[in-house]
């Protein structure tokens, strides 16, 4: 997962879901799209569900794992498995 700027550097306008395979969704703003979908507890400190990937506009099975009070790890598999640690904003 990558951080998407609020403004598309190519157009100077709000970033959109331009990689979505559904043409009707390609012009919707990327800010506000649900990326953690249907997450349900699966183990202590772990939720499993679906992840939306704006890089390709597809959804994948994935997990959210609590690391501590300030960090979580989002992980999933899209051919290759990987993840990213996210920290609470200050």
C-alpha atoms as a PDB file:
ATOM      1  CA  UNK A   1       0.000   0.000   0.000  1.00  0.00           C
ATOM      2  CA  UNK A   2       1.157   3.494  -0.696  1.00  0.00           C
ATOM      3  CA  UNK A   3       0.145   6.897   0.512  1.00  0.00           C
ATOM      4  CA  UNK A   4      -1.998   8.635  -2.094  1.00  0.00           C
ATOM      5  CA  UNK A   5      -1.726  12.420  -2.194  1.00  0.00           C
ATOM      6  CA  UNK A   6      -5.025  14.266  -1.810  1.00  0.00           C
ATOM      7  CA  UNK A   7      -4.233  16.101  -5.048  1.00  0.00           C
ATOM      8  CA  UNK A   8      -3.236  14.350  -8.261  1.00  0.00           C
ATOM      9  CA  UNK A   9       0.144  15.831  -9.264  1.00  0.00           C
ATOM     10  CA  UNK A  10      -0.722  15.343 -12.965  1.00  0.00           C
ATOM     11  CA  UNK A  11      -4.000  17.279 -12.887  1.00  0.00           C
ATOM     12  CA  UNK A  12      -3.819  19.438  -9.744  1.00  0.00           C
ATOM     13  CA  UNK A  13      -7.319  18.162  -8.888  1.00  0.00           C
ATOM     14  CA  UNK A  14      -8.379  15.765  -6.108  1.00  0.00           C
ATOM     15  CA  UNK A  15      -6.941  12.267  -6.645  1.00  0.00           C
ATOM     16  CA  UNK A  16      -9.448   9.802  -8.120  1.00  0.00           C
ATOM     17  CA  UNK A  17      -9.857   6.035  -8.247  1.00  0.00           C
ATOM     18  CA  UNK A  18      -8.395   6.047 -11.778  1.00  0.00           C
ATOM     19  CA  UNK A  19      -7.109   2.438 -11.631  1.00  0.00           C
ATOM     20  CA  UNK A  20     -10.519   0.936 -10.896  1.00  0.00           C
ATOM     21  CA  UNK A  21     -11.554  -1.581 -13.582  1.00  0.00           C
ATOM     22  CA  UNK A  22     -15.138  -0.234 -13.349  1.00  0.00           C
ATOM     23  CA  UNK A  23     -15.232   2.875 -15.591  1.00  0.00           C
ATOM     24  CA  UNK A  24     -18.110   4.322 -13.531  1.00  0.00           C
ATOM     25  CA  UNK A  25     -15.867   4.442 -10.425  1.00  0.00           C
ATOM     26  CA  UNK A  26     -12.724   5.928 -11.992  1.00  0.00           C
ATOM     27  CA  UNK A  27     -13.763   9.536 -11.337  1.00  0.00           C
ATOM     28  CA  UNK A  28     -14.731   9.139  -7.671  1.00  0.00           C
ATOM     29  CA  UNK A  29     -12.385  10.828  -5.172  1.00  0.00           C
ATOM     30  CA  UNK A  30      -9.885   8.418  -3.598  1.00  0.00           C
ATOM     31  CA  UNK A  31     -10.215  10.189  -0.232  1.00  0.00           C
ATOM     32  CA  UNK A  32     -13.065   8.544   1.659  1.00  0.00           C
ATOM     33  CA  UNK A  33     -13.092   5.190  -0.159  1.00  0.00           C
ATOM     34  CA  UNK A  34     -13.445   2.297   2.275  1.00  0.00           C
ATOM     35  CA  UNK A  35     -10.271   0.221   2.126  1.00  0.00           C
ATOM     36  CA  UNK A  36     -10.963  -2.072   5.104  1.00  0.00           C
ATOM     37  CA  UNK A  37     -14.175  -3.905   4.298  1.00  0.00           C
ATOM     38  CA  UNK A  38     -16.120  -6.339   6.473  1.00  0.00           C
ATOM     39  CA  UNK A  39     -13.367  -6.740   9.062  1.00  0.00           C
ATOM     40  CA  UNK A  40     -14.349  -9.169  11.821  1.00  0.00           C
ATOM     41  CA  UNK A  41     -12.355 -10.401  14.821  1.00  0.00           C
ATOM     42  CA  UNK A  42     -10.509 -13.610  13.941  1.00  0.00           C
ATOM     43  CA  UNK A  43      -7.975 -13.860  16.801  1.00  0.00           C
ATOM     44  CA  UNK A  44      -7.103 -11.634  19.750  1.00  0.00           C
ATOM     45  CA  UNK A  45      -5.860  -8.340  18.281  1.00  0.00           C
ATOM     46  CA  UNK A  46      -6.540  -9.482  14.703  1.00  0.00           C
ATOM     47  CA  UNK A  47      -9.374  -8.794  12.262  1.00  0.00           C
ATOM     48  CA  UNK A  48      -9.874 -10.459   8.893  1.00  0.00           C
ATOM     49  CA  UNK A  49     -11.868  -9.279   5.910  1.00  0.00           C
ATOM     50  CA  UNK A  50     -11.352  -7.593   2.564  1.00  0.00           C
ATOM     51  CA  UNK A  51      -8.860  -4.897   1.530  1.00  0.00           C
ATOM     52  CA  UNK A  52      -9.368  -2.475  -1.349  1.00  0.00           C
ATOM     53  CA  UNK A  53      -6.181  -1.719  -3.312  1.00  0.00           C
ATOM     54  CA  UNK A  54      -6.375   1.572  -5.205  1.00  0.00           C
ATOM     55  CA  UNK A  55      -3.222   0.638  -7.160  1.00  0.00           C
ATOM     56  CA  UNK A  56      -5.285  -1.782  -9.264  1.00  0.00           C
ATOM     57  CA  UNK A  57      -8.888  -1.177  -8.158  1.00  0.00           C
ATOM     58  CA  UNK A  58      -9.284  -4.735  -6.864  1.00  0.00           C
ATOM     59  CA  UNK A  59     -10.134  -6.256  -3.494  1.00  0.00           C
ATOM     60  CA  UNK A  60      -8.169  -8.935  -1.675  1.00  0.00           C
ATOM     61  CA  UNK A  61      -8.492 -11.046   1.455  1.00  0.00           C
ATOM     62  CA  UNK A  62      -6.511  -9.423   4.234  1.00  0.00           C
ATOM     63  CA  UNK A  63      -5.936  -8.759   7.908  1.00  0.00           C
ATOM     64  CA  UNK A  64      -5.584  -5.886  10.327  1.00  0.00           C
ATOM     65  CA  UNK A  65      -3.292  -6.717  13.251  1.00  0.00           C
ATOM     66  CA  UNK A  66      -2.923  -4.604  16.400  1.00  0.00           C
ATOM     67  CA  UNK A  67       0.749  -4.112  17.195  1.00  0.00           C
ATOM     68  CA  UNK A  68       0.349  -1.694  20.107  1.00  0.00           C
ATOM     69  CA  UNK A  69      -1.744   1.312  21.123  1.00  0.00           C
ATOM     70  CA  UNK A  70      -0.219   3.402  18.327  1.00  0.00           C
ATOM     71  CA  UNK A  71       0.414   0.939  15.486  1.00  0.00           C
ATOM     72  CA  UNK A  72      -1.438  -1.541  13.304  1.00  0.00           C
ATOM     73  CA  UNK A  73      -0.304  -3.755  10.440  1.00  0.00           C
ATOM     74  CA  UNK A  74      -2.439  -4.177   7.337  1.00  0.00           C
ATOM     75  CA  UNK A  75      -1.510  -7.251   5.321  1.00  0.00           C
ATOM     76  CA  UNK A  76      -2.854  -9.159   2.370  1.00  0.00           C
ATOM     77  CA  UNK A  77      -1.965 -11.240  -0.656  1.00  0.00           C
ATOM     78  CA  UNK A  78      -2.217 -10.155  -4.290  1.00  0.00           C
ATOM     79  CA  UNK A  79      -0.170 -12.899  -5.885  1.00  0.00           C
ATOM     80  CA  UNK A  80       2.593 -11.990  -3.432  1.00  0.00           C
ATOM     81  CA  UNK A  81       1.887 -11.446   0.263  1.00  0.00           C
ATOM     82  CA  UNK A  82       2.956  -8.303   2.038  1.00  0.00           C
ATOM     83  CA  UNK A  83       1.860  -5.586   4.382  1.00  0.00           C
ATOM     84  CA  UNK A  84       2.464  -2.203   5.893  1.00  0.00           C
ATOM     85  CA  UNK A  85       2.681  -0.868   9.432  1.00  0.00           C
ATOM     86  CA  UNK A  86       0.633   2.274  10.038  1.00  0.00           C
ATOM     87  CA  UNK A  87       1.151   4.556  13.035  1.00  0.00           C
ATOM     88  CA  UNK A  88      -1.376   6.818  14.741  1.00  0.00           C
ATOM     89  CA  UNK A  89      -1.229  10.417  13.532  1.00  0.00           C
ATOM     90  CA  UNK A  90      -0.085  12.908  16.147  1.00  0.00           C
END
